[in-house]
């Protein structure tokens, strides 16, 4: 099922409406269902490298708006919409555990790591941010920085190196982004301990 969805998403890259679909998929990725926007960004940018940064901007804006939708689902429609959706994905138990163990500072870190590397999945974090009622302005800023950094880095690499970098991005981007996310998490806890607060317990 998931493979068919990915194949369908990839087929959209050659359509005249590809940019609209890029915005839609970036939106959906951040709030409802995981279909990475890179499925469209890669072939679209390789076909038109001069439009690389425009595609990155479209994906970033779509992702931010999707994140805002996820935030509002968590804040105002958790029981009616978000809970059944998480149950359908088999993520509700993990969500509840994450919510019970996560303070505002840790959630702030997760907004960055999920935006860069989907760790944890970005749709879970956007809903969690709304349910936890963290600052909406901070939420939007964090999403903008993290998602923008990911999409613009991909656009830059494809524009500069073209097809040879595609397989590297497909195979290694998640690993690199994961390492960056892990470094951020480690730095967060080191800073906490250095300041004498120590990591909060569940």
N, C-alpha and C. Protein backbone atom coordinates (compact mmCIF):
# COMPACT_ATOMS: atom_id res chain seq x y z
N UNK A 1 0.83 -1.20 0.00
CA UNK A 1 0.00 0.00 0.00
C UNK A 1 0.86 1.26 0.00
N UNK A 2 1.83 1.32 0.94
CA UNK A 2 2.70 2.49 1.05
C UNK A 2 3.54 2.66 -0.21
N UNK A 3 4.01 1.53 -0.78
CA UNK A 3 4.82 1.60 -1.99
C UNK A 3 4.01 2.18 -3.15
N UNK A 4 2.74 1.82 -3.24
CA UNK A 4 1.88 2.35 -4.29
C UNK A 4 1.68 3.85 -4.14
N UNK A 5 1.55 4.29 -2.89
CA UNK A 5 1.39 5.72 -2.63
C UNK A 5 2.65 6.48 -3.05
N UNK A 6 3.82 5.91 -2.74
CA UNK A 6 5.08 6.55 -3.13
C UNK A 6 5.19 6.61 -4.65
N UNK A 7 4.83 5.52 -5.34
CA UNK A 7 4.89 5.50 -6.80
C UNK A 7 3.95 6.54 -7.40
N UNK A 8 2.76 6.65 -6.81
CA UNK A 8 1.81 7.66 -7.28
C UNK A 8 2.36 9.05 -7.09
N UNK A 9 2.93 9.31 -5.91
CA UNK A 9 3.50 10.63 -5.62
C UNK A 9 4.62 10.96 -6.61
N UNK A 10 5.45 9.96 -6.91
CA UNK A 10 6.56 10.17 -7.84
C UNK A 10 6.04 10.50 -9.23
N UNK A 11 4.92 9.90 -9.62
CA UNK A 11 4.35 10.15 -10.95
C UNK A 11 3.87 11.59 -11.10
N UNK A 12 3.63 12.27 -9.99
CA UNK A 12 3.13 13.65 -10.04
C UNK A 12 4.19 14.64 -10.50
N UNK A 13 5.45 14.25 -10.40
CA UNK A 13 6.55 15.18 -10.70
C UNK A 13 6.55 15.64 -12.14
N UNK A 14 6.01 14.83 -13.05
CA UNK A 14 6.03 15.18 -14.47
C UNK A 14 4.79 15.96 -14.91
N UNK A 15 3.86 16.19 -14.02
CA UNK A 15 2.63 16.89 -14.38
C UNK A 15 2.82 18.41 -14.36
N UNK A 16 1.96 19.10 -15.09
CA UNK A 16 2.00 20.56 -15.08
C UNK A 16 1.65 21.11 -13.70
N UNK A 17 0.87 20.35 -12.97
CA UNK A 17 0.45 20.76 -11.62
C UNK A 17 1.41 20.29 -10.54
N UNK A 18 2.64 19.92 -10.93
CA UNK A 18 3.60 19.33 -9.98
C UNK A 18 3.86 20.24 -8.78
N UNK A 19 3.95 21.57 -9.01
CA UNK A 19 4.24 22.47 -7.90
C UNK A 19 3.09 22.51 -6.89
N UNK A 20 1.87 22.42 -7.40
CA UNK A 20 0.72 22.37 -6.50
C UNK A 20 0.76 21.09 -5.67
N UNK A 21 1.07 19.98 -6.34
CA UNK A 21 1.15 18.70 -5.63
C UNK A 21 2.29 18.68 -4.62
N UNK A 22 3.38 19.37 -4.95
CA UNK A 22 4.50 19.47 -4.00
C UNK A 22 4.03 20.15 -2.72
N UNK A 23 3.29 21.24 -2.85
CA UNK A 23 2.77 21.95 -1.68
C UNK A 23 1.81 21.05 -0.90
N UNK A 24 0.96 20.32 -1.61
CA UNK A 24 -0.02 19.44 -0.96
C UNK A 24 0.68 18.34 -0.18
N UNK A 25 1.66 17.69 -0.79
CA UNK A 25 2.36 16.58 -0.14
C UNK A 25 3.17 17.08 1.05
N UNK A 26 3.80 18.25 0.91
CA UNK A 26 4.54 18.81 2.04
C UNK A 26 3.58 19.12 3.19
N UNK A 27 2.39 19.59 2.87
CA UNK A 27 1.37 19.87 3.88
C UNK A 27 0.95 18.58 4.58
N UNK A 28 0.62 17.58 3.80
CA UNK A 28 0.13 16.31 4.35
C UNK A 28 1.21 15.63 5.20
N UNK A 29 2.46 15.73 4.75
CA UNK A 29 3.57 15.09 5.47
C UNK A 29 3.67 15.61 6.91
N UNK A 30 3.38 16.88 7.11
CA UNK A 30 3.56 17.49 8.43
C UNK A 30 2.35 17.36 9.34
N UNK A 31 1.24 16.86 8.82
CA UNK A 31 0.04 16.87 9.65
C UNK A 31 -0.76 15.58 9.65
N UNK A 32 -0.74 14.83 8.55
CA UNK A 32 -1.67 13.70 8.44
C UNK A 32 -0.98 12.39 8.12
N UNK A 33 -0.19 12.36 7.05
CA UNK A 33 0.34 11.09 6.56
C UNK A 33 1.75 11.28 6.05
N UNK A 34 2.59 10.26 6.23
CA UNK A 34 3.99 10.40 5.85
C UNK A 34 4.22 10.02 4.39
N UNK A 35 4.27 11.03 3.52
CA UNK A 35 4.75 10.88 2.15
C UNK A 35 5.77 12.00 1.97
N UNK A 36 7.05 11.70 2.03
CA UNK A 36 8.06 12.77 2.04
C UNK A 36 8.03 13.64 0.80
N UNK A 37 8.14 14.93 1.00
CA UNK A 37 8.14 15.87 -0.11
C UNK A 37 9.32 15.65 -1.04
N UNK A 38 10.38 15.01 -0.55
CA UNK A 38 11.54 14.73 -1.38
C UNK A 38 11.19 13.85 -2.58
N UNK A 39 10.11 13.08 -2.47
CA UNK A 39 9.67 12.25 -3.59
C UNK A 39 9.43 13.11 -4.83
N UNK A 40 8.97 14.35 -4.62
CA UNK A 40 8.74 15.27 -5.74
C UNK A 40 9.91 16.22 -5.96
N UNK A 41 10.52 16.68 -4.87
CA UNK A 41 11.60 17.66 -5.02
C UNK A 41 12.75 17.12 -5.85
N UNK A 42 13.13 15.87 -5.64
CA UNK A 42 14.28 15.31 -6.36
C UNK A 42 14.08 15.33 -7.87
N UNK A 43 13.05 14.68 -8.41
CA UNK A 43 12.91 14.70 -9.87
C UNK A 43 12.59 16.07 -10.44
N UNK A 44 11.81 16.88 -9.70
CA UNK A 44 11.46 18.20 -10.20
C UNK A 44 12.70 19.10 -10.31
N UNK A 45 13.56 19.04 -9.32
CA UNK A 45 14.76 19.89 -9.31
C UNK A 45 15.77 19.42 -10.35
N UNK A 46 15.88 18.11 -10.52
CA UNK A 46 16.80 17.60 -11.54
C UNK A 46 16.33 17.99 -12.94
N UNK A 47 15.01 18.04 -13.13
CA UNK A 47 14.47 18.42 -14.43
C UNK A 47 14.63 19.92 -14.69
N UNK A 48 14.50 20.73 -13.62
CA UNK A 48 14.64 22.19 -13.75
C UNK A 48 15.48 22.73 -12.61
N UNK A 49 16.80 22.56 -12.69
CA UNK A 49 17.67 23.01 -11.59
C UNK A 49 17.57 24.51 -11.31
N UNK A 50 17.21 25.30 -12.32
CA UNK A 50 17.09 26.74 -12.12
C UNK A 50 15.93 27.09 -11.20
N UNK A 51 15.01 26.14 -11.00
CA UNK A 51 13.85 26.38 -10.13
C UNK A 51 14.03 25.73 -8.76
N UNK A 52 15.24 25.28 -8.44
CA UNK A 52 15.49 24.52 -7.21
C UNK A 52 15.01 25.25 -5.96
N UNK A 53 15.37 26.52 -5.84
CA UNK A 53 15.02 27.25 -4.62
C UNK A 53 13.53 27.60 -4.56
N UNK A 54 12.91 27.74 -5.72
CA UNK A 54 11.46 27.95 -5.72
C UNK A 54 10.75 26.71 -5.20
N UNK A 55 11.21 25.54 -5.63
CA UNK A 55 10.63 24.29 -5.14
C UNK A 55 10.85 24.15 -3.63
N UNK A 56 12.04 24.52 -3.18
CA UNK A 56 12.33 24.45 -1.74
C UNK A 56 11.40 25.38 -0.97
N UNK A 57 11.14 26.57 -1.52
CA UNK A 57 10.24 27.51 -0.85
C UNK A 57 8.82 26.97 -0.80
N UNK A 58 8.37 26.37 -1.90
CA UNK A 58 7.01 25.80 -1.94
C UNK A 58 6.88 24.69 -0.90
N UNK A 59 7.88 23.81 -0.85
CA UNK A 59 7.85 22.70 0.11
C UNK A 59 7.90 23.22 1.54
N UNK A 60 8.70 24.23 1.79
CA UNK A 60 8.81 24.79 3.14
C UNK A 60 7.49 25.41 3.58
N UNK A 61 6.89 26.21 2.71
CA UNK A 61 5.62 26.85 3.06
C UNK A 61 4.53 25.80 3.27
N UNK A 62 4.46 24.81 2.37
CA UNK A 62 3.47 23.76 2.52
C UNK A 62 3.66 22.99 3.81
N UNK A 63 4.91 22.72 4.16
CA UNK A 63 5.21 21.98 5.38
C UNK A 63 4.86 22.78 6.62
N UNK A 64 5.14 24.09 6.60
CA UNK A 64 4.79 24.94 7.74
C UNK A 64 3.28 24.98 7.94
N UNK A 65 2.54 25.15 6.84
CA UNK A 65 1.08 25.18 6.93
C UNK A 65 0.54 23.84 7.42
N UNK A 66 1.15 22.74 6.97
CA UNK A 66 0.75 21.43 7.45
C UNK A 66 1.04 21.27 8.93
N UNK A 67 2.19 21.80 9.36
CA UNK A 67 2.52 21.76 10.78
C UNK A 67 1.53 22.55 11.61
N UNK A 68 1.11 23.70 11.09
CA UNK A 68 0.11 24.51 11.80
C UNK A 68 -1.20 23.74 11.91
N UNK A 69 -1.57 23.04 10.83
CA UNK A 69 -2.79 22.23 10.87
C UNK A 69 -2.66 21.15 11.94
N UNK A 70 -1.49 20.50 12.01
CA UNK A 70 -1.26 19.49 13.04
C UNK A 70 -1.34 20.08 14.44
N UNK A 71 -0.76 21.28 14.59
CA UNK A 71 -0.80 21.97 15.88
C UNK A 71 -2.25 22.22 16.31
N UNK A 72 -3.06 22.72 15.38
CA UNK A 72 -4.47 23.00 15.71
C UNK A 72 -5.25 21.72 15.98
N UNK A 73 -4.91 20.63 15.29
CA UNK A 73 -5.55 19.35 15.58
C UNK A 73 -5.26 18.94 17.02
N UNK A 74 -4.01 19.10 17.44
CA UNK A 74 -3.64 18.74 18.80
C UNK A 74 -4.25 19.66 19.84
N UNK A 75 -4.37 20.94 19.50
CA UNK A 75 -4.86 21.93 20.46
C UNK A 75 -6.38 21.95 20.58
N UNK A 76 -7.08 21.76 19.47
CA UNK A 76 -8.52 21.99 19.48
C UNK A 76 -9.38 20.80 19.04
N UNK A 77 -8.76 19.79 18.44
CA UNK A 77 -9.57 18.67 17.93
C UNK A 77 -8.87 17.33 18.18
N UNK A 78 -8.21 17.23 19.34
CA UNK A 78 -7.46 16.01 19.59
C UNK A 78 -8.38 14.79 19.69
N UNK A 79 -9.39 14.86 20.53
CA UNK A 79 -10.27 13.70 20.72
C UNK A 79 -11.09 13.38 19.48
N UNK A 80 -11.52 14.42 18.77
CA UNK A 80 -12.39 14.22 17.63
C UNK A 80 -11.66 13.72 16.38
N UNK A 81 -10.43 14.22 16.15
CA UNK A 81 -9.72 13.92 14.90
C UNK A 81 -8.35 13.30 15.14
N UNK A 82 -7.52 13.97 15.95
CA UNK A 82 -6.13 13.54 16.09
C UNK A 82 -6.02 12.16 16.74
N UNK A 83 -6.78 11.91 17.80
CA UNK A 83 -6.69 10.61 18.47
C UNK A 83 -7.06 9.46 17.53
N UNK A 84 -8.22 9.52 16.82
CA UNK A 84 -8.54 8.44 15.89
C UNK A 84 -7.48 8.26 14.79
N UNK A 85 -6.91 9.38 14.35
CA UNK A 85 -5.88 9.30 13.31
C UNK A 85 -4.63 8.59 13.83
N UNK A 86 -4.20 8.94 15.04
CA UNK A 86 -3.04 8.29 15.63
C UNK A 86 -3.32 6.81 15.90
N UNK A 87 -4.53 6.50 16.31
CA UNK A 87 -4.91 5.10 16.51
C UNK A 87 -4.83 4.32 15.21
N UNK A 88 -5.29 4.93 14.12
CA UNK A 88 -5.26 4.27 12.82
C UNK A 88 -3.84 3.98 12.37
N UNK A 89 -2.89 4.86 12.73
CA UNK A 89 -1.49 4.65 12.37
C UNK A 89 -0.75 3.78 13.38
N UNK A 90 -1.43 3.40 14.48
CA UNK A 90 -0.77 2.63 15.53
C UNK A 90 0.23 3.44 16.32
N UNK A 91 0.02 4.77 16.38
CA UNK A 91 0.97 5.67 17.04
C UNK A 91 0.43 6.27 18.34
N UNK A 92 -0.80 5.92 18.71
CA UNK A 92 -1.40 6.58 19.86
C UNK A 92 -0.65 6.26 21.15
N UNK A 93 -0.30 5.01 21.38
CA UNK A 93 0.39 4.64 22.61
C UNK A 93 1.73 5.36 22.71
N UNK A 94 2.48 5.37 21.59
CA UNK A 94 3.76 6.07 21.58
C UNK A 94 3.57 7.57 21.81
N UNK A 95 2.49 8.11 21.25
CA UNK A 95 2.19 9.53 21.44
C UNK A 95 1.93 9.84 22.91
N UNK A 96 1.12 9.00 23.57
CA UNK A 96 0.78 9.24 24.97
C UNK A 96 2.02 9.13 25.85
N UNK A 97 2.89 8.18 25.56
CA UNK A 97 4.13 8.04 26.32
C UNK A 97 5.02 9.26 26.12
N UNK A 98 5.09 9.71 24.87
CA UNK A 98 5.91 10.88 24.56
C UNK A 98 5.36 12.11 25.27
N UNK A 99 4.06 12.25 25.28
CA UNK A 99 3.42 13.40 25.92
C UNK A 99 3.67 13.40 27.42
N UNK A 100 3.60 12.22 28.05
CA UNK A 100 3.80 12.11 29.49
C UNK A 100 5.23 12.41 29.90
N UNK A 101 6.17 12.15 29.02
CA UNK A 101 7.59 12.27 29.37
C UNK A 101 8.25 13.54 28.84
N UNK A 102 7.50 14.37 28.15
CA UNK A 102 8.11 15.49 27.45
C UNK A 102 7.73 16.83 28.05
N UNK A 103 8.76 17.59 28.43
CA UNK A 103 8.55 18.95 28.87
C UNK A 103 8.64 19.90 27.69
N UNK A 104 8.39 21.16 27.93
CA UNK A 104 8.39 22.14 26.84
C UNK A 104 9.75 22.26 26.18
N UNK A 105 10.83 22.20 26.98
CA UNK A 105 12.17 22.34 26.40
C UNK A 105 12.50 21.17 25.49
N UNK A 106 12.21 19.96 25.95
CA UNK A 106 12.48 18.78 25.13
C UNK A 106 11.64 18.79 23.86
N UNK A 107 10.40 19.23 23.99
CA UNK A 107 9.53 19.30 22.83
C UNK A 107 10.08 20.30 21.81
N UNK A 108 10.68 21.37 22.29
CA UNK A 108 11.29 22.35 21.40
C UNK A 108 12.41 21.70 20.58
N UNK A 109 13.21 20.86 21.24
CA UNK A 109 14.27 20.15 20.53
C UNK A 109 13.67 19.21 19.49
N UNK A 110 12.59 18.52 19.86
CA UNK A 110 11.97 17.57 18.94
C UNK A 110 11.38 18.27 17.72
N UNK A 111 10.93 19.50 17.87
CA UNK A 111 10.45 20.24 16.72
C UNK A 111 11.54 20.40 15.67
N UNK A 112 12.77 20.61 16.15
CA UNK A 112 13.90 20.76 15.23
C UNK A 112 14.31 19.41 14.66
N UNK A 113 14.45 18.39 15.52
CA UNK A 113 14.90 17.09 15.04
C UNK A 113 13.88 16.42 14.12
N UNK A 114 12.61 16.60 14.41
CA UNK A 114 11.59 16.02 13.53
C UNK A 114 11.55 16.74 12.19
N UNK A 115 11.79 18.05 12.23
CA UNK A 115 11.82 18.81 10.99
C UNK A 115 13.00 18.44 10.12
N UNK A 116 14.14 18.17 10.74
CA UNK A 116 15.34 17.81 9.99
C UNK A 116 15.34 16.35 9.55
N UNK A 117 14.91 15.47 10.45
CA UNK A 117 15.12 14.03 10.20
C UNK A 117 13.92 13.15 10.51
N UNK A 118 12.76 13.74 10.76
CA UNK A 118 11.56 12.96 11.11
C UNK A 118 11.79 12.10 12.36
N UNK A 119 12.54 12.62 13.31
CA UNK A 119 12.81 11.91 14.56
C UNK A 119 12.36 12.79 15.73
N UNK A 120 11.21 12.49 16.35
CA UNK A 120 10.17 11.52 15.98
C UNK A 120 9.45 11.99 14.71
N UNK A 121 8.50 11.17 14.20
CA UNK A 121 7.76 11.59 12.99
C UNK A 121 7.16 12.97 13.16
N UNK A 122 7.31 13.80 12.14
CA UNK A 122 6.93 15.21 12.27
C UNK A 122 5.45 15.40 12.57
N UNK A 123 4.60 14.56 11.99
CA UNK A 123 3.16 14.74 12.24
C UNK A 123 2.82 14.48 13.70
N UNK A 124 3.55 13.55 14.34
CA UNK A 124 3.32 13.28 15.76
C UNK A 124 3.74 14.47 16.61
N UNK A 125 4.85 15.08 16.26
CA UNK A 125 5.37 16.21 17.04
C UNK A 125 4.51 17.45 16.86
N UNK A 126 4.01 17.70 15.65
CA UNK A 126 3.16 18.88 15.46
C UNK A 126 1.86 18.76 16.25
N UNK A 127 1.28 17.56 16.27
CA UNK A 127 0.07 17.33 17.06
C UNK A 127 0.38 17.45 18.55
N UNK A 128 1.51 16.88 18.96
CA UNK A 128 1.93 16.95 20.35
C UNK A 128 2.15 18.39 20.80
N UNK A 129 2.74 19.20 19.92
CA UNK A 129 2.99 20.60 20.25
C UNK A 129 1.68 21.33 20.54
N UNK A 130 0.66 21.04 19.73
CA UNK A 130 -0.64 21.65 19.96
C UNK A 130 -1.29 21.15 21.24
N UNK A 131 -1.21 19.84 21.47
CA UNK A 131 -1.80 19.27 22.68
C UNK A 131 -1.12 19.80 23.93
N UNK A 132 0.20 20.06 23.83
CA UNK A 132 0.95 20.57 24.97
C UNK A 132 0.84 22.09 25.11
N UNK A 133 0.19 22.74 24.14
CA UNK A 133 -0.03 24.19 24.18
C UNK A 133 1.27 24.98 24.26
N UNK A 134 2.29 24.56 23.53
CA UNK A 134 3.51 25.37 23.51
C UNK A 134 3.25 26.64 22.71
N UNK A 135 4.11 27.61 22.84
CA UNK A 135 3.94 28.89 22.16
C UNK A 135 3.77 28.68 20.66
N UNK A 136 2.70 29.21 20.12
CA UNK A 136 2.43 29.06 18.69
C UNK A 136 3.49 29.76 17.85
N UNK A 137 3.91 30.95 18.27
CA UNK A 137 4.94 31.69 17.53
C UNK A 137 6.24 30.90 17.51
N UNK A 138 6.64 30.38 18.66
CA UNK A 138 7.87 29.58 18.72
C UNK A 138 7.73 28.35 17.83
N UNK A 139 6.57 27.72 17.85
CA UNK A 139 6.32 26.55 17.03
C UNK A 139 6.54 26.86 15.55
N UNK A 140 5.98 27.95 15.08
CA UNK A 140 6.11 28.32 13.67
C UNK A 140 7.56 28.63 13.32
N UNK A 141 8.26 29.34 14.20
CA UNK A 141 9.66 29.67 13.96
C UNK A 141 10.51 28.40 13.88
N UNK A 142 10.30 27.47 14.81
CA UNK A 142 11.07 26.22 14.83
C UNK A 142 10.81 25.40 13.57
N UNK A 143 9.55 25.31 13.17
CA UNK A 143 9.21 24.57 11.95
C UNK A 143 9.84 25.21 10.72
N UNK A 144 9.82 26.54 10.68
CA UNK A 144 10.37 27.25 9.53
C UNK A 144 11.87 26.99 9.40
N UNK A 145 12.58 27.07 10.52
CA UNK A 145 14.04 26.87 10.49
C UNK A 145 14.37 25.43 10.11
N UNK A 146 13.73 24.47 10.77
CA UNK A 146 14.07 23.06 10.55
C UNK A 146 13.68 22.58 9.16
N UNK A 147 12.44 22.83 8.76
CA UNK A 147 12.01 22.36 7.46
C UNK A 147 12.69 23.13 6.34
N UNK A 148 12.86 24.43 6.52
CA UNK A 148 13.55 25.22 5.52
C UNK A 148 14.98 24.75 5.33
N UNK A 149 15.66 24.46 6.42
CA UNK A 149 17.05 23.99 6.33
C UNK A 149 17.13 22.69 5.53
N UNK A 150 16.20 21.78 5.78
CA UNK A 150 16.22 20.49 5.06
C UNK A 150 15.97 20.69 3.57
N UNK A 151 14.91 21.40 3.23
CA UNK A 151 14.54 21.54 1.82
C UNK A 151 15.55 22.38 1.04
N UNK A 152 16.05 23.45 1.65
CA UNK A 152 17.00 24.28 0.93
C UNK A 152 18.36 23.59 0.79
N UNK A 153 18.73 22.76 1.75
CA UNK A 153 19.97 21.98 1.63
C UNK A 153 19.87 21.00 0.46
N UNK A 154 18.71 20.36 0.34
CA UNK A 154 18.50 19.44 -0.77
C UNK A 154 18.54 20.19 -2.10
N UNK A 155 17.85 21.34 -2.15
CA UNK A 155 17.83 22.13 -3.38
C UNK A 155 19.23 22.57 -3.78
N UNK A 156 20.00 23.04 -2.80
CA UNK A 156 21.38 23.48 -3.09
C UNK A 156 22.21 22.33 -3.63
N UNK A 157 22.14 21.17 -3.00
CA UNK A 157 22.94 20.02 -3.42
C UNK A 157 22.57 19.57 -4.83
N UNK A 158 21.28 19.52 -5.11
CA UNK A 158 20.83 19.09 -6.45
C UNK A 158 21.20 20.11 -7.52
N UNK A 159 21.07 21.39 -7.18
CA UNK A 159 21.40 22.44 -8.14
C UNK A 159 22.89 22.45 -8.45
N UNK A 160 23.70 22.17 -7.44
CA UNK A 160 25.16 22.23 -7.63
C UNK A 160 25.72 20.95 -8.26
N UNK A 161 25.22 19.79 -7.83
CA UNK A 161 25.84 18.53 -8.26
C UNK A 161 24.97 17.70 -9.20
N UNK A 162 23.69 18.00 -9.29
CA UNK A 162 22.84 17.32 -10.24
C UNK A 162 22.60 15.86 -9.94
N UNK A 163 22.42 15.07 -10.99
CA UNK A 163 22.07 13.66 -10.87
C UNK A 163 23.04 12.85 -10.01
N UNK A 164 24.36 13.08 -10.07
CA UNK A 164 25.28 12.27 -9.24
C UNK A 164 24.98 12.32 -7.74
N UNK A 165 24.39 13.41 -7.26
CA UNK A 165 24.12 13.52 -5.82
C UNK A 165 22.78 12.90 -5.44
N UNK A 166 21.96 12.56 -6.43
CA UNK A 166 20.61 12.07 -6.14
C UNK A 166 20.63 10.81 -5.29
N UNK A 167 21.43 9.83 -5.69
CA UNK A 167 21.46 8.57 -4.94
C UNK A 167 22.01 8.77 -3.54
N UNK A 168 22.97 9.69 -3.42
CA UNK A 168 23.50 9.99 -2.08
C UNK A 168 22.40 10.55 -1.20
N UNK A 169 21.61 11.47 -1.74
CA UNK A 169 20.51 12.06 -0.97
C UNK A 169 19.49 10.99 -0.59
N UNK A 170 19.13 10.15 -1.55
CA UNK A 170 18.12 9.12 -1.30
C UNK A 170 18.59 8.11 -0.26
N UNK A 171 19.88 7.78 -0.28
CA UNK A 171 20.39 6.73 0.61
C UNK A 171 20.96 7.27 1.92
N UNK A 172 21.47 8.49 1.89
CA UNK A 172 22.24 8.97 3.04
C UNK A 172 21.65 10.18 3.74
N UNK A 173 20.70 10.87 3.12
CA UNK A 173 20.18 12.09 3.73
C UNK A 173 19.57 11.83 5.10
N UNK A 174 18.77 10.76 5.20
CA UNK A 174 18.13 10.43 6.48
C UNK A 174 19.19 10.16 7.55
N UNK A 175 20.28 9.48 7.17
CA UNK A 175 21.35 9.18 8.13
C UNK A 175 22.02 10.47 8.60
N UNK A 176 22.37 11.33 7.65
CA UNK A 176 23.04 12.59 8.01
C UNK A 176 22.14 13.45 8.88
N UNK A 177 20.87 13.58 8.47
CA UNK A 177 19.93 14.38 9.26
C UNK A 177 19.74 13.77 10.64
N UNK A 178 19.74 12.44 10.71
CA UNK A 178 19.62 11.76 12.00
C UNK A 178 20.80 12.03 12.91
N UNK A 179 21.99 12.06 12.33
CA UNK A 179 23.20 12.36 13.11
C UNK A 179 23.13 13.79 13.65
N UNK A 180 22.72 14.72 12.78
CA UNK A 180 22.57 16.12 13.22
C UNK A 180 21.55 16.21 14.35
N UNK A 181 20.43 15.50 14.20
CA UNK A 181 19.40 15.51 15.23
C UNK A 181 19.94 14.94 16.53
N UNK A 182 20.71 13.84 16.44
CA UNK A 182 21.27 13.22 17.63
C UNK A 182 22.25 14.16 18.33
N UNK A 183 23.05 14.88 17.54
CA UNK A 183 23.99 15.85 18.12
C UNK A 183 23.24 16.95 18.86
N UNK A 184 22.14 17.42 18.28
CA UNK A 184 21.34 18.45 18.94
C UNK A 184 20.78 17.95 20.26
N UNK A 185 20.31 16.71 20.27
CA UNK A 185 19.77 16.13 21.49
C UNK A 185 20.84 16.02 22.57
N UNK A 186 22.02 15.54 22.18
CA UNK A 186 23.12 15.40 23.12
C UNK A 186 23.53 16.77 23.68
N UNK A 187 23.63 17.75 22.79
CA UNK A 187 23.99 19.09 23.24
C UNK A 187 22.96 19.65 24.21
N UNK A 188 21.70 19.34 23.96
CA UNK A 188 20.62 19.80 24.84
C UNK A 188 20.81 19.25 26.25
N UNK A 189 21.04 17.93 26.36
CA UNK A 189 21.19 17.33 27.68
C UNK A 189 22.51 17.74 28.36
N UNK A 190 23.57 17.91 27.57
CA UNK A 190 24.83 18.38 28.13
C UNK A 190 24.65 19.79 28.71
N UNK A 191 23.94 20.64 27.94
CA UNK A 191 23.70 22.00 28.43
C UNK A 191 22.86 22.00 29.69
N UNK A 192 21.87 21.11 29.74
CA UNK A 192 21.03 21.00 30.93
C UNK A 192 21.86 20.62 32.16
N UNK A 193 22.73 19.63 31.99
CA UNK A 193 23.55 19.17 33.11
C UNK A 193 24.59 20.22 33.50
N UNK A 194 25.14 20.89 32.48
CA UNK A 194 26.15 21.91 32.74
C UNK A 194 25.57 23.08 33.52
N UNK A 195 24.31 23.38 33.23
CA UNK A 195 23.63 24.47 33.94
C UNK A 195 23.09 24.05 35.29
N UNK A 196 23.22 22.74 35.60
CA UNK A 196 22.84 22.27 36.92
C UNK A 196 21.42 21.85 37.06
N UNK A 197 20.66 21.75 35.92
CA UNK A 197 19.26 21.38 36.03
C UNK A 197 19.06 19.89 35.89
N UNK A 198 19.88 19.29 35.03
CA UNK A 198 19.74 17.86 34.78
C UNK A 198 18.53 17.56 33.96
N UNK A 199 18.55 16.46 33.19
CA UNK A 199 17.40 16.11 32.36
C UNK A 199 16.21 15.76 33.22
N UNK A 200 15.03 16.22 32.79
CA UNK A 200 13.82 15.96 33.55
C UNK A 200 13.40 14.52 33.41
N UNK A 201 12.86 13.95 34.46
CA UNK A 201 12.41 12.57 34.44
C UNK A 201 10.94 12.51 34.10
N UNK A 202 10.49 11.33 33.61
CA UNK A 202 9.09 11.15 33.29
C UNK A 202 8.29 11.01 34.57
